[in-house]
C-alpha atoms as a PDB file:
ATOM      1  CA  MET A   1      -3.232 -63.879  59.316  1.00  0.00           C
ATOM      2  CA  VAL A   2      -4.002 -60.342  60.425  1.00  0.00           C
ATOM      3  CA  PHE A   3      -1.728 -60.509  63.462  1.00  0.00           C
ATOM      4  CA  PRO A   4       1.523 -61.528  61.698  1.00  0.00           C
ATOM      5  CA  LEU A   5       0.854 -59.052  58.890  1.00  0.00           C
ATOM      6  CA  GLY A   6       0.105 -56.336  61.423  1.00  0.00           C
ATOM      7  CA  TYR A   7       3.369 -57.139  63.161  1.00  0.00           C
ATOM      8  CA  LEU A   8       5.233 -56.830  59.856  1.00  0.00           C
ATOM      9  CA  LEU A   9       3.635 -53.423  59.322  1.00  0.00           C
ATOM     10  CA  LEU A  10       4.674 -52.290  62.788  1.00  0.00           C
ATOM     11  CA  LYS A  11       8.276 -53.400  62.227  1.00  0.00           C
ATOM     12  CA  ALA A  12       8.504 -51.962  58.698  1.00  0.00           C
ATOM     13  CA  PRO A  13       9.653 -48.447  59.682  1.00  0.00           C
ATOM     14  CA  GLU A  14      12.314 -49.881  61.966  1.00  0.00           C
ATOM     15  CA  LEU A  15      13.601 -52.079  59.143  1.00  0.00           C
ATOM     16  CA  GLN A  16      13.358 -49.184  56.653  1.00  0.00           C
ATOM     17  CA  ARG A  17      11.111 -51.034  54.225  1.00  0.00           C
ATOM     18  CA  PRO A  18      10.130 -49.244  50.988  1.00  0.00           C
ATOM     19  CA  PHE A  19       6.612 -47.935  50.326  1.00  0.00           C
ATOM     20  CA  LEU A  20       5.867 -50.940  48.085  1.00  0.00           C
ATOM     21  CA  TYR A  21       6.208 -53.191  51.149  1.00  0.00           C
ATOM     22  CA  TYR A  22       3.293 -51.373  52.803  1.00  0.00           C
ATOM     23  CA  ILE A  23       1.182 -51.773  49.659  1.00  0.00           C
ATOM     24  CA  GLN A  24       1.961 -55.500  49.459  1.00  0.00           C
ATOM     25  CA  ILE A  25       0.927 -56.153  53.045  1.00  0.00           C
ATOM     26  CA  GLY A  26      -1.996 -53.736  52.774  1.00  0.00           C
ATOM     27  CA  LEU A  27      -3.489 -55.616  49.818  1.00  0.00           C
ATOM     28  CA  MET A  28      -3.475 -58.891  51.718  1.00  0.00           C
ATOM     29  CA  LEU A  29      -4.952 -57.225  54.800  1.00  0.00           C
ATOM     30  CA  LEU A  30      -7.641 -55.619  52.636  1.00  0.00           C
ATOM     31  CA  TRP A  31      -8.548 -59.021  51.187  1.00  0.00           C
ATOM     32  CA  ILE A  32      -8.733 -60.590  54.657  1.00  0.00           C
ATOM     33  CA  VAL A  33     -10.961 -57.791  55.961  1.00  0.00           C
ATOM     34  CA  LEU A  34     -13.184 -57.945  52.873  1.00  0.00           C
ATOM     35  CA  LEU A  35     -13.523 -61.716  53.258  1.00  0.00           C
ATOM     36  CA  PHE A  36     -14.509 -61.312  56.896  1.00  0.00           C
ATOM     37  CA  VAL A  37     -17.033 -58.559  56.187  1.00  0.00           C
ATOM     38  CA  LEU A  38     -18.687 -60.243  53.199  1.00  0.00           C
ATOM     39  CA  ASP A  39     -18.688 -63.841  54.427  1.00  0.00           C
ATOM     40  CA  PHE A  40     -19.004 -63.618  58.186  1.00  0.00           C
ATOM     41  CA  ALA A  41     -20.238 -60.193  59.266  1.00  0.00           C
ATOM     42  CA  LEU A  42     -22.773 -59.379  56.542  1.00  0.00           C
ATOM     43  CA  LYS A  43     -23.229 -62.939  55.185  1.00  0.00           C
ATOM     44  CA  ILE A  44     -23.556 -61.664  51.619  1.00  0.00           C
ATOM     45  CA  ASP A  45     -23.676 -64.393  48.968  1.00  0.00           C
ATOM     46  CA  PHE A  46     -21.389 -62.473  46.626  1.00  0.00           C
ATOM     47  CA  ARG A  47     -20.149 -65.586  44.813  1.00  0.00           C
ATOM     48  CA  GLN A  48     -23.292 -65.612  42.658  1.00  0.00           C
ATOM     49  CA  THR A  49     -22.470 -62.219  41.101  1.00  0.00           C
ATOM     50  CA  GLN A  50     -19.749 -62.559  38.481  1.00  0.00           C
ATOM     51  CA  TRP A  51     -18.248 -59.054  38.752  1.00  0.00           C
ATOM     52  CA  MET A  52     -17.989 -59.415  42.525  1.00  0.00           C
ATOM     53  CA  VAL A  53     -16.263 -62.789  42.225  1.00  0.00           C
ATOM     54  CA  ILE A  54     -13.819 -61.453  39.650  1.00  0.00           C
ATOM     55  CA  SER A  55     -13.013 -58.420  41.826  1.00  0.00           C
ATOM     56  CA  PHE A  56     -12.566 -60.647  44.876  1.00  0.00           C
ATOM     57  CA  VAL A  57     -10.268 -63.075  43.050  1.00  0.00           C
ATOM     58  CA  VAL A  58      -8.207 -60.258  41.531  1.00  0.00           C
ATOM     59  CA  LEU A  59      -7.743 -58.725  44.993  1.00  0.00           C
ATOM     60  CA  PHE A  60      -6.758 -62.143  46.376  1.00  0.00           C
ATOM     61  CA  PHE A  61      -4.137 -62.723  43.687  1.00  0.00           C
ATOM     62  CA  ALA A  62      -2.827 -59.170  44.110  1.00  0.00           C
ATOM     63  CA  GLY A  63      -2.459 -59.779  47.834  1.00  0.00           C
ATOM     64  CA  ALA A  64      -0.906 -63.209  47.365  1.00  0.00           C
ATOM     65  CA  GLY A  65       1.463 -61.822  44.747  1.00  0.00           C
ATOM     66  CA  GLY A  66       2.408 -59.070  47.164  1.00  0.00           C
ATOM     67  CA  MET A  67       3.305 -61.710  49.706  1.00  0.00           C
ATOM     68  CA  LEU A  68       5.927 -62.919  47.219  1.00  0.00           C
ATOM     69  CA  GLY A  69       7.577 -59.525  47.557  1.00  0.00           C
ATOM     70  CA  VAL A  70       7.484 -59.818  51.330  1.00  0.00           C
ATOM     71  CA  ALA A  71       8.965 -63.333  51.147  1.00  0.00           C
ATOM     72  CA  ALA A  72      11.739 -62.004  48.921  1.00  0.00           C
ATOM     73  CA  ASN A  73      13.016 -60.026  51.910  1.00  0.00           C
ATOM     74  CA  ALA A  74      13.689 -63.322  53.701  1.00  0.00           C
ATOM     75  CA  GLY A  75      16.118 -64.625  51.100  1.00  0.00           C
ATOM     76  CA  ARG A  76      16.377 -66.527  47.870  1.00  0.00           C
ATOM     77  CA  GLY A  77      15.143 -69.863  49.246  1.00  0.00           C
ATOM     78  CA  TRP A  78      11.905 -68.329  50.523  1.00  0.00           C
ATOM     79  CA  THR A  79      11.439 -66.467  47.254  1.00  0.00           C
ATOM     80  CA  ILE A  80      11.780 -69.631  45.171  1.00  0.00           C
ATOM     81  CA  SER A  81       9.478 -71.669  47.382  1.00  0.00           C
ATOM     82  CA  GLY A  82       6.982 -68.797  47.477  1.00  0.00           C
ATOM     83  CA  VAL A  83       6.894 -68.493  43.684  1.00  0.00           C
ATOM     84  CA  ILE A  84       6.461 -72.255  43.260  1.00  0.00           C
ATOM     85  CA  LEU A  85       3.606 -72.342  45.767  1.00  0.00           C
ATOM     86  CA  PHE A  86       1.996 -69.275  44.182  1.00  0.00           C
ATOM     87  CA  LEU A  87       2.021 -70.948  40.770  1.00  0.00           C
ATOM     88  CA  VAL A  88       0.610 -74.187  42.204  1.00  0.00           C
ATOM     89  CA  MET A  89      -2.134 -72.181  43.929  1.00  0.00           C
ATOM     90  CA  ALA A  90      -2.979 -70.346  40.703  1.00  0.00           C
ATOM     91  CA  VAL A  91      -3.199 -73.561  38.696  1.00  0.00           C
ATOM     92  CA  LEU A  92      -5.344 -75.250  41.338  1.00  0.00           C
ATOM     93  CA  ALA A  93      -7.674 -72.242  41.520  1.00  0.00           C
ATOM     94  CA  PHE A  94      -8.402 -72.443  37.811  1.00  0.00           C
ATOM     95  CA  VAL A  95      -8.682 -76.247  37.885  1.00  0.00           C
ATOM     96  CA  GLN A  96     -11.206 -75.961  40.711  1.00  0.00           C
ATOM     97  CA  ARG A  97     -13.166 -73.388  38.732  1.00  0.00           C
ATOM     98  CA  ALA A  98     -13.197 -75.657  35.664  1.00  0.00           C
ATOM     99  CA  VAL A  99     -14.242 -78.748  37.631  1.00  0.00           C
ATOM    100  CA  THR A 100     -16.855 -77.248  39.952  1.00  0.00           C
ATOM    101  CA  GLY A 101     -17.952 -74.130  38.104  1.00  0.00           C
ATOM    102  CA  PHE A 102     -17.476 -72.129  41.320  1.00  0.00           C
END
């Protein structure tokens, strides 16, 4: 996911995207990098510490919500499908938490 998002960042000045566009993509990139560092590079079991899990999930939803703004630049159809999928993802995340406790 880093490569397509990086490409979007490189093309943003050419397409005259607003500053919010950079924040939206930056949040998702930050989440991806954090996931890589915590899970794969440092192998920290952060999912056992509640404040770390909450921070991680908040950053994920901020990044995913930002991707809705990016999708909105592609047209109404992509915006609608993005919002529907975002809501499905949110519901499933909380259902998973309720069922598994993780």
